[in-house]
Protein backbone atom coordinates (compact mmCIF):
# COMPACT_ATOMS: atom_id res chain seq x y z
CA MET A 1 -25.76 15.51 -23.36
CA SER A 2 -22.03 16.65 -23.55
CA ASP A 3 -19.47 14.70 -25.61
CA GLN A 4 -17.65 14.76 -21.95
CA VAL A 5 -20.14 13.16 -20.26
CA ALA A 6 -21.11 10.68 -23.60
CA ALA A 7 -17.58 9.56 -23.20
CA ARG A 8 -17.60 8.77 -19.78
CA GLN A 9 -20.70 6.71 -20.32
CA ALA A 10 -19.29 4.69 -23.29
CA ALA A 11 -16.19 4.60 -20.72
CA ASP A 12 -18.16 2.69 -18.00
CA ALA A 13 -20.15 0.61 -20.30
CA GLU A 14 -17.00 -0.72 -22.34
CA ALA A 15 -15.00 -1.34 -18.21
CA SER A 16 -18.61 -2.93 -17.22
CA ASP A 17 -18.25 -5.54 -20.35
CA ALA A 18 -14.67 -6.35 -19.55
CA VAL A 19 -15.79 -7.03 -15.99
CA GLU A 20 -16.47 -10.94 -15.64
CA ALA A 21 -19.47 -11.85 -13.42
CA ALA A 22 -19.10 -13.58 -10.25
CA GLY A 23 -18.18 -17.31 -10.86
CA HIS A 24 -20.55 -20.14 -11.83
CA PHE A 25 -18.79 -22.30 -9.00
CA ARG A 26 -17.33 -20.34 -6.20
CA ILE A 27 -15.53 -21.67 -2.86
CA TYR A 28 -14.26 -19.19 0.12
CA LEU A 29 -11.10 -21.54 1.53
CA GLY A 30 -10.37 -21.11 4.82
CA ALA A 31 -7.27 -22.89 7.13
CA ALA A 32 -9.17 -23.75 10.13
CA ALA A 33 -12.98 -23.23 11.25
CA GLY A 34 -13.63 -20.07 12.36
CA VAL A 35 -11.95 -17.85 9.98
CA GLY A 36 -15.07 -16.84 8.68
CA LYS A 37 -15.79 -18.90 5.77
CA THR A 38 -19.41 -19.09 6.26
CA TYR A 39 -19.85 -15.32 7.18
CA ALA A 40 -18.47 -14.19 3.99
CA MET A 41 -20.33 -16.50 2.04
CA LEU A 42 -23.56 -15.56 3.71
CA SER A 43 -22.16 -11.95 3.31
CA GLU A 44 -22.05 -12.46 -0.67
CA GLY A 45 -25.30 -14.18 -0.62
CA ARG A 46 -27.10 -11.16 0.94
CA ARG A 47 -25.57 -9.20 -1.84
CA ARG A 48 -26.48 -10.93 -4.35
CA LEU A 49 -29.96 -10.88 -3.34
CA ASP A 50 -29.91 -6.79 -2.99
CA ARG A 51 -29.10 -6.99 -6.92
CA GLY A 52 -32.22 -9.01 -7.53
CA THR A 53 -30.27 -12.57 -7.72
CA ASP A 54 -33.10 -15.35 -6.93
CA ILE A 55 -30.86 -17.21 -4.25
CA VAL A 56 -31.33 -19.48 -1.75
CA ILE A 57 -29.51 -21.47 1.15
CA GLY A 58 -29.33 -25.14 0.37
CA PHE A 59 -27.36 -25.54 3.72
CA VAL A 60 -25.62 -23.54 6.05
CA GLU A 61 -24.08 -24.71 9.26
CA CYS A 62 -24.06 -21.95 11.79
CA HIS A 63 -22.28 -24.07 15.22
CA GLY A 64 -24.13 -21.52 17.24
CA ARG A 65 -22.24 -18.35 16.34
CA GLN A 66 -24.91 -15.47 16.46
CA ARG A 67 -23.12 -12.82 14.26
CA THR A 68 -23.20 -16.34 11.59
CA GLU A 69 -27.11 -16.90 12.34
CA GLU A 70 -27.72 -13.00 11.89
CA MET A 71 -26.89 -13.09 8.53
CA ILE A 72 -29.53 -15.90 7.49
CA ASP A 73 -32.31 -13.14 8.16
CA GLY A 74 -33.99 -12.28 4.69
CA LEU A 75 -32.37 -15.25 2.65
CA GLU A 76 -34.62 -17.84 1.59
CA VAL A 77 -33.85 -21.69 3.10
CA VAL A 78 -34.53 -24.60 1.46
CA PRO A 79 -35.88 -26.95 4.16
CA ARG A 80 -33.77 -29.49 5.19
CA LYS A 81 -34.15 -33.37 5.02
CA GLU A 82 -35.00 -35.02 8.26
CA VAL A 83 -33.13 -38.60 8.65
CA ASP A 84 -33.47 -41.10 11.43
CA TYR A 85 -30.22 -42.53 12.11
CA ARG A 86 -29.39 -44.73 14.76
CA GLY A 87 -32.16 -43.37 17.02
CA SER A 88 -31.09 -39.84 16.20
CA ARG A 89 -32.83 -37.22 14.28
CA LEU A 90 -30.35 -35.53 11.89
CA GLU A 91 -30.60 -32.89 9.24
CA GLU A 92 -29.26 -32.70 5.79
CA MET A 93 -29.73 -30.58 2.61
CA ASP A 94 -32.73 -31.63 0.55
CA LEU A 95 -30.86 -32.11 -2.86
CA ASP A 96 -34.08 -32.85 -4.93
CA ALA A 97 -35.86 -29.98 -2.80
CA VAL A 98 -32.91 -27.80 -4.06
CA LEU A 99 -32.97 -28.81 -7.84
CA SER A 100 -36.89 -28.48 -7.89
CA ARG A 101 -36.78 -24.99 -6.64
CA ARG A 102 -33.96 -24.09 -9.16
CA PRO A 103 -32.56 -21.31 -7.83
CA GLN A 104 -30.41 -18.97 -10.00
CA VAL A 105 -27.54 -19.54 -6.80
CA VAL A 106 -27.10 -21.70 -3.90
CA LEU A 107 -25.21 -21.43 -0.90
CA VAL A 108 -24.20 -24.41 0.18
CA ASP A 109 -21.58 -25.02 3.46
CA GLU A 110 -19.03 -27.29 4.24
CA LEU A 111 -18.43 -28.94 1.18
CA ALA A 112 -16.28 -32.17 2.47
CA HIS A 113 -19.24 -32.79 4.99
CA THR A 114 -20.12 -37.00 4.83
CA ASN A 115 -24.22 -37.05 4.54
CA VAL A 116 -26.22 -39.24 6.91
CA PRO A 117 -26.71 -42.90 5.08
CA GLY A 118 -30.46 -43.08 3.91
CA SER A 119 -30.49 -39.21 3.49
CA GLY A 120 -30.12 -39.16 -0.13
CA ARG A 121 -28.26 -41.07 -3.45
CA ASN A 122 -25.05 -39.40 -2.72
CA SER A 123 -22.43 -40.37 -0.02
CA LYS A 124 -20.92 -36.93 -0.05
CA ARG A 125 -21.96 -33.38 -0.30
CA TRP A 126 -19.85 -32.23 -3.03
CA GLN A 127 -21.32 -35.00 -4.92
CA ASP A 128 -24.66 -33.09 -4.13
CA VAL A 129 -22.84 -29.77 -5.40
CA LEU A 130 -21.70 -31.48 -8.77
CA GLU A 131 -25.41 -32.53 -9.62
CA ILE A 132 -26.55 -29.41 -8.62
CA LEU A 133 -23.85 -27.92 -11.03
CA ALA A 134 -24.93 -29.91 -13.91
CA ALA A 135 -28.46 -28.78 -13.52
CA ARG A 136 -26.90 -25.03 -14.04
CA ILE A 137 -27.51 -23.95 -10.78
CA ASP A 138 -24.58 -22.01 -9.23
CA VAL A 139 -23.09 -23.06 -5.94
CA ILE A 140 -20.60 -21.18 -3.79
CA THR A 141 -19.39 -23.10 -0.78
CA THR A 142 -16.95 -23.58 1.65
CA VAL A 143 -14.37 -25.71 2.71
CA ASN A 144 -11.02 -25.63 4.79
CA ILE A 145 -7.72 -26.84 3.50
CA GLN A 146 -7.42 -29.74 5.68
CA HIS A 147 -9.88 -31.62 3.85
CA LEU A 148 -8.21 -31.61 0.31
CA GLU A 149 -7.63 -35.19 -0.11
CA SER A 150 -3.73 -34.39 -1.39
CA ILE A 151 -3.12 -32.40 1.96
CA ALA A 152 -5.45 -34.45 4.73
CA ASP A 153 -2.72 -37.15 5.28
CA GLU A 154 0.14 -34.33 5.79
CA VAL A 155 -2.29 -32.33 8.12
CA GLU A 156 -2.52 -35.52 10.26
CA HIS A 157 0.93 -35.95 10.71
CA MET A 158 1.53 -32.58 11.54
CA THR A 159 -1.74 -32.16 13.77
CA GLY A 160 -2.04 -35.44 15.07
CA ALA A 161 -5.65 -35.16 14.43
CA ARG A 162 -7.93 -37.20 12.10
CA VAL A 163 -8.96 -35.97 9.12
CA ARG A 164 -12.06 -38.19 8.38
CA GLU A 165 -14.12 -35.58 5.59
CA ARG A 166 -12.05 -35.31 2.47
CA VAL A 167 -13.08 -33.58 -1.27
CA PRO A 168 -10.82 -35.02 -4.16
CA ASP A 169 -8.77 -31.90 -5.38
CA TRP A 170 -9.94 -31.92 -8.94
CA VAL A 171 -13.56 -31.16 -7.15
CA VAL A 172 -12.14 -28.06 -5.83
CA ARG A 173 -9.82 -27.03 -8.80
CA LYS A 174 -13.28 -27.21 -10.80
CA ALA A 175 -14.15 -23.70 -9.14
CA ASP A 176 -14.09 -20.73 -11.15
CA GLN A 177 -13.37 -18.60 -8.32
CA ILE A 178 -11.41 -19.50 -5.11
CA GLU A 179 -11.51 -17.23 -2.34
CA LEU A 180 -9.05 -17.20 0.80
CA VAL A 181 -10.60 -16.36 4.00
CA ASP A 182 -7.48 -15.90 5.99
CA SER A 183 -6.57 -14.73 9.79
CA SER A 184 -3.83 -14.80 11.57
CA PRO A 185 -3.29 -17.93 14.17
CA GLU A 186 -3.22 -15.35 17.01
CA GLN A 187 -6.48 -13.29 16.29
CA LEU A 188 -7.85 -17.39 15.55
CA ARG A 189 -6.96 -18.22 18.73
CA ARG A 190 -8.28 -14.94 20.38
CA ARG A 191 -11.53 -15.54 18.67
CA MET A 192 -11.78 -19.27 20.07
CA LEU A 193 -10.84 -17.27 23.70
CA HIS A 194 -14.27 -15.37 23.63
CA GLY A 195 -16.40 -18.26 22.48
CA ASN A 196 -16.77 -16.89 18.62
CA ILE A 197 -15.51 -20.66 17.27
CA TYR A 198 -16.49 -23.48 19.91
CA PRO A 199 -18.63 -23.39 23.23
CA THR A 200 -17.13 -22.64 26.15
CA GLU A 201 -16.57 -26.11 27.45
CA ARG A 202 -14.16 -27.25 24.18
CA VAL A 203 -12.19 -24.29 24.39
CA SER A 204 -9.56 -24.82 26.75
CA LEU A 205 -9.19 -28.44 24.53
CA ALA A 206 -8.93 -26.76 21.49
CA LEU A 207 -6.29 -24.24 21.97
CA SER A 208 -4.11 -26.95 23.72
CA ASN A 209 -4.50 -29.09 20.61
CA PHE A 210 -5.40 -28.60 16.98
CA PHE A 211 -5.44 -24.80 17.64
CA ARG A 212 -1.43 -24.42 18.79
CA ILE A 213 -0.11 -21.70 16.66
CA ASP A 214 2.14 -24.12 15.45
CA ASN A 215 -0.40 -26.15 13.96
CA LEU A 216 -2.65 -23.31 12.87
CA THR A 217 0.58 -21.47 10.93
CA ALA A 218 1.35 -24.43 9.19
CA LEU A 219 -2.42 -24.54 7.86
CA ARG A 220 -2.33 -21.09 6.99
CA GLU A 221 0.92 -21.78 4.56
CA LEU A 222 -0.61 -24.72 3.30
CA ALA A 223 -3.91 -22.86 1.94
CA LEU A 224 -1.96 -19.87 1.06
CA ARG A 225 0.45 -21.88 -1.14
CA PHE A 226 -2.51 -23.52 -2.54
CA LEU A 227 -3.84 -20.59 -3.57
CA ALA A 228 -0.64 -19.37 -4.86
CA ASP A 229 -0.38 -22.21 -7.16
CA GLU A 230 -4.20 -21.72 -8.36
CA THR A 231 -3.46 -18.37 -9.17
CA ASP A 232 -0.48 -19.03 -11.02
CA ASP A 233 -1.86 -21.23 -13.05
CA ASP A 234 -4.92 -18.94 -13.96
CA LEU A 235 -2.01 -16.64 -15.07
CA LEU A 236 -0.31 -18.84 -17.00
CA GLU A 237 -3.22 -20.16 -18.72
CA HIS A 238 -4.44 -16.46 -19.63
CA LEU A 239 -1.14 -15.73 -20.78
CA ARG A 240 -1.53 -18.14 -23.28
CA ARG A 241 -4.68 -17.29 -24.36
CA HIS A 242 -3.19 -13.97 -24.98
CA ASP A 243 0.02 -15.13 -26.71
CA SER A 244 2.10 -12.99 -24.60
CA LYS A 245 5.16 -12.29 -25.69
CA VAL A 246 6.24 -10.88 -22.36
CA VAL A 247 7.75 -12.94 -19.45
CA TRP A 248 6.20 -12.42 -15.87
CA GLU A 249 8.17 -12.51 -13.09
CA THR A 250 5.39 -13.01 -10.65
CA CYS A 251 7.50 -16.24 -9.05
CA GLU A 252 10.52 -18.15 -10.42
CA ARG A 253 9.74 -20.72 -12.97
CA VAL A 254 13.21 -22.99 -13.43
CA MET A 255 13.50 -25.16 -16.80
CA VAL A 256 16.48 -27.65 -17.65
CA ALA A 257 16.92 -28.83 -20.82
CA VAL A 258 18.10 -32.32 -20.94
CA THR A 259 19.70 -34.80 -23.47
CA ALA A 260 21.34 -38.42 -23.72
CA ALA A 261 24.88 -37.10 -22.64
CA PRO A 262 27.09 -38.59 -19.87
CA GLY A 263 26.47 -36.26 -17.06
CA THR A 264 23.49 -34.78 -17.68
CA ASP A 265 22.03 -36.46 -14.75
CA GLY A 266 24.12 -34.41 -12.87
CA LEU A 267 23.05 -31.26 -14.28
CA LEU A 268 19.33 -32.25 -13.65
CA ARG A 269 20.35 -32.63 -9.91
CA ARG A 270 21.86 -29.34 -9.79
CA ALA A 271 18.74 -27.55 -11.41
CA ALA A 272 16.39 -29.37 -8.87
CA ARG A 273 18.80 -27.70 -6.21
CA MET A 274 18.66 -24.03 -7.79
CA ALA A 275 14.73 -24.47 -8.10
CA ALA A 276 14.34 -25.39 -4.65
CA ARG A 277 16.64 -22.27 -3.02
CA LEU A 278 14.54 -20.21 -5.18
CA LYS A 279 11.21 -22.07 -3.71
CA GLY A 280 10.33 -22.46 -7.65
CA GLU A 281 8.97 -25.49 -9.51
CA LEU A 282 11.43 -26.98 -11.89
CA ASP A 283 10.24 -28.52 -15.54
CA VAL A 284 12.81 -30.48 -17.21
CA LEU A 285 12.79 -30.60 -21.47
CA HIS A 286 13.91 -32.91 -23.81
CA VAL A 287 13.86 -31.74 -27.28
CA ALA A 288 13.71 -35.27 -29.41
CA SER A 289 14.79 -34.83 -33.00
CA SER A 290 13.38 -36.28 -35.97
CA ASP A 291 16.60 -38.69 -36.57
CA ALA A 292 15.80 -42.37 -34.88
CA THR A 293 17.13 -42.26 -31.45
CA ARG A 294 20.04 -45.06 -30.46
CA PRO A 295 18.89 -47.63 -27.86
CA GLY A 296 21.76 -46.15 -25.63
CA ASP A 297 20.07 -42.82 -25.66
CA ARG A 298 16.31 -43.73 -25.11
CA ARG A 299 17.68 -45.90 -22.06
CA SER A 300 19.48 -42.69 -21.05
CA ILE A 301 16.44 -40.51 -21.51
CA GLU A 302 13.95 -43.10 -19.68
CA LYS A 303 16.54 -42.82 -16.60
CA LEU A 304 16.41 -39.08 -17.23
CA ARG A 305 12.50 -39.28 -16.62
CA GLU A 306 12.85 -41.27 -13.78
CA LEU A 307 15.23 -38.76 -12.13
CA ALA A 308 13.02 -36.08 -12.85
CA ALA A 309 9.90 -37.92 -11.23
CA ASP A 310 12.45 -38.64 -8.00
CA VAL A 311 13.26 -34.51 -7.72
CA GLY A 312 9.46 -33.96 -7.86
CA ALA A 313 10.00 -32.22 -11.92
CA ARG A 314 7.65 -32.12 -14.57
CA TRP A 315 8.74 -33.73 -17.69
CA HIS A 316 8.42 -32.73 -21.20
CA GLU A 317 9.13 -33.53 -24.18
CA VAL A 318 8.74 -31.67 -27.89
CA GLU A 319 10.24 -33.15 -30.91
CA GLY A 320 12.12 -30.47 -33.01
CA ASP A 321 15.27 -30.22 -34.97
CA ASP A 322 16.39 -27.01 -33.69
CA PRO A 323 17.11 -27.46 -30.08
CA ALA A 324 17.69 -23.84 -29.36
CA ARG A 325 14.64 -22.58 -30.88
CA ALA A 326 12.73 -25.09 -29.06
CA ILE A 327 13.77 -24.60 -25.57
CA ALA A 328 13.28 -21.03 -26.14
CA ALA A 329 9.60 -21.61 -27.47
CA PHE A 330 8.77 -23.72 -24.57
CA ALA A 331 10.48 -21.34 -21.91
CA GLN A 332 8.17 -18.34 -23.20
CA GLU A 333 5.37 -20.61 -23.47
CA HIS A 334 5.46 -22.06 -19.84
CA GLN A 335 6.62 -18.20 -18.79
CA ILE A 336 9.65 -19.45 -17.34
CA THR A 337 12.19 -17.13 -15.73
CA GLN A 338 15.51 -19.62 -15.43
CA ILE A 339 16.82 -21.88 -18.04
CA VAL A 340 19.64 -24.42 -16.97
CA ILE A 341 21.61 -25.81 -19.88
CA GLY A 342 24.72 -27.66 -20.01
CA SER A 343 27.87 -26.27 -21.89
CA SER A 344 28.57 -27.44 -25.51
CA GLN A 345 30.33 -30.45 -26.35
CA ARG A 346 31.20 -29.37 -29.94
CA SER A 347 34.62 -28.23 -30.62
CA ARG A 348 35.48 -24.57 -31.71
CA TRP A 349 35.64 -25.48 -35.00
CA GLN A 350 32.59 -27.28 -35.24
CA GLN A 351 30.80 -24.43 -33.50
CA PHE A 352 32.08 -22.19 -36.34
CA ALA A 353 31.10 -24.31 -39.07
CA GLY A 354 27.87 -25.04 -37.80
CA GLY A 355 27.01 -21.54 -37.29
CA GLY A 356 27.55 -21.50 -33.41
CA SER A 357 26.94 -23.78 -30.56
CA ASN A 358 23.28 -24.39 -29.30
CA VAL A 359 24.38 -22.93 -26.06
CA THR A 360 24.94 -19.75 -27.75
CA ARG A 361 21.81 -19.51 -29.66
CA VAL A 362 19.36 -20.32 -26.90
CA ILE A 363 20.96 -17.41 -24.80
CA ARG A 364 20.33 -14.85 -27.54
CA GLU A 365 16.95 -16.17 -28.00
CA ALA A 366 16.21 -16.07 -24.37
CA GLY A 367 17.65 -12.93 -24.10
CA ALA A 368 15.26 -11.59 -26.40
CA LEU A 369 12.67 -12.51 -24.07
CA GLY A 370 14.14 -11.52 -20.68
CA ILE A 371 14.57 -15.13 -19.34
CA ASP A 372 18.07 -15.73 -17.55
CA VAL A 373 20.18 -18.89 -18.71
CA HIS A 374 22.64 -20.76 -16.52
CA VAL A 375 25.28 -22.84 -18.44
CA ILE A 376 26.74 -25.69 -16.58
CA ALA A 377 29.76 -27.87 -16.79
CA LEU A 378 28.54 -31.33 -17.50
CA ARG A 379 30.55 -33.89 -15.77
CA LYS A 380 30.61 -37.83 -16.63
CA THR A 381 29.52 -40.01 -13.65
CA SER A 382 32.50 -40.92 -11.92
CA ILE A 383 33.67 -44.47 -11.50
CA ALA A 384 33.02 -46.58 -8.70
CA GLY A 385 36.24 -46.61 -6.16
CA PRO A 386 37.73 -49.64 -5.53
CA SER A 387 36.42 -52.22 -2.87
CA GLU A 388 37.79 -52.77 0.35
CA GLU A 389 39.36 -55.77 -0.61
CA THR A 390 40.96 -54.36 -3.50
CA ALA A 391 41.38 -51.13 -1.69
CA ALA A 392 43.95 -52.80 0.48
CA ARG A 393 46.40 -54.05 -1.84
CA PRO A 394 49.65 -52.24 -2.73
CA VAL A 395 49.65 -49.41 -5.13
CA VAL A 396 52.17 -50.73 -7.54
CA ASN A 397 51.35 -48.03 -10.34
CA SER A 398 48.80 -45.07 -10.45
CA THR A 399 48.62 -42.47 -12.78
CA ALA A 400 45.78 -39.70 -12.15
CA LYS A 401 44.27 -38.85 -15.56
CA THR A 402 41.86 -35.24 -15.49
CA THR A 403 39.37 -34.93 -18.10
CA ASN A 404 37.91 -31.36 -18.90
CA PRO A 405 33.75 -31.41 -18.40
CA THR A 406 32.24 -32.55 -20.96
CA MET A 407 29.44 -30.81 -22.86
CA SER A 408 25.73 -31.59 -23.37
CA GLY A 409 24.44 -31.35 -27.00
CA THR A 410 22.24 -28.36 -26.33
């Protein structure tokens, strides 16, 4: 064997080791029915079968779609459990049969499905899936974005259609891998028109209601945003594990550093507006010193915490006697791309005697990491104006008093 061939084989082996195996719990996520989630799941099942994986179908719903039904050929199907319910004979996944068969991988369609009463010990299919996972059996499943608990109410509001079957967000977030099965609204409506999603008699009603262009576009955006959030979390976790010293600007992440100084509430609101314009999330950081905090300061900080919640920001509090270093360290750990701070309250003499302002040090520390810093002038909250009664009185003497913008302690 030549040295070149040996080197190539060694490189191939190293690359193979670096590629992670498919997830223990894998979800195919779609914006709506008919995008191809079940087809994609079955395609993966067939590929794994061809590679020698012991894989079975726990439950697949084809909805009469011929191409999907053809994908089942060659895959072992665990017999379903038949249940009598209100005079009808219905079928559900036989959880105990799946656990008894104990394959390496099981395909389970429609994660948010509600089981027929009396069909088993669990009321929801996602509960069945958790039992299968607990038995150390890999699961591949499917779900539409409208079935996530945190999103279902908004979908009902947008579409006017009830979302009865729901799955907790934490169940979906447990997945090792989430694959988006995407389709444009126009393509989805064409598939509907050609009878590839619903029976012919349901097509016209579906196209004029749930499957309108605006509904499908909104559902698609919800699916994309959910997956983007998951991907962002995965990237942050990876960078933390590898102690990355570089900020990756895959999206804008804004952080505002707050103190008990007057006017900081305005700084927080300004940062929230900046984050909204950048379509980024906002983190609020308070660096608490080891010195005892004055009661008045504690009340101010609590109000800022409440304001952070009101504007949809995440609140963080760390201890440290070096605010500039703590701010830079937090920004690096959380891959912050934009830092917002208030201008310094210290006089030029205090800055000179103390080795420079914290603002200057934050700029220096963040600059070394490639993070932008926005220094905002703090403005004290203006005193409430006079009431209508007093405003109507004649003014005897009035003087205007101008104050320079105050500076935060960061």
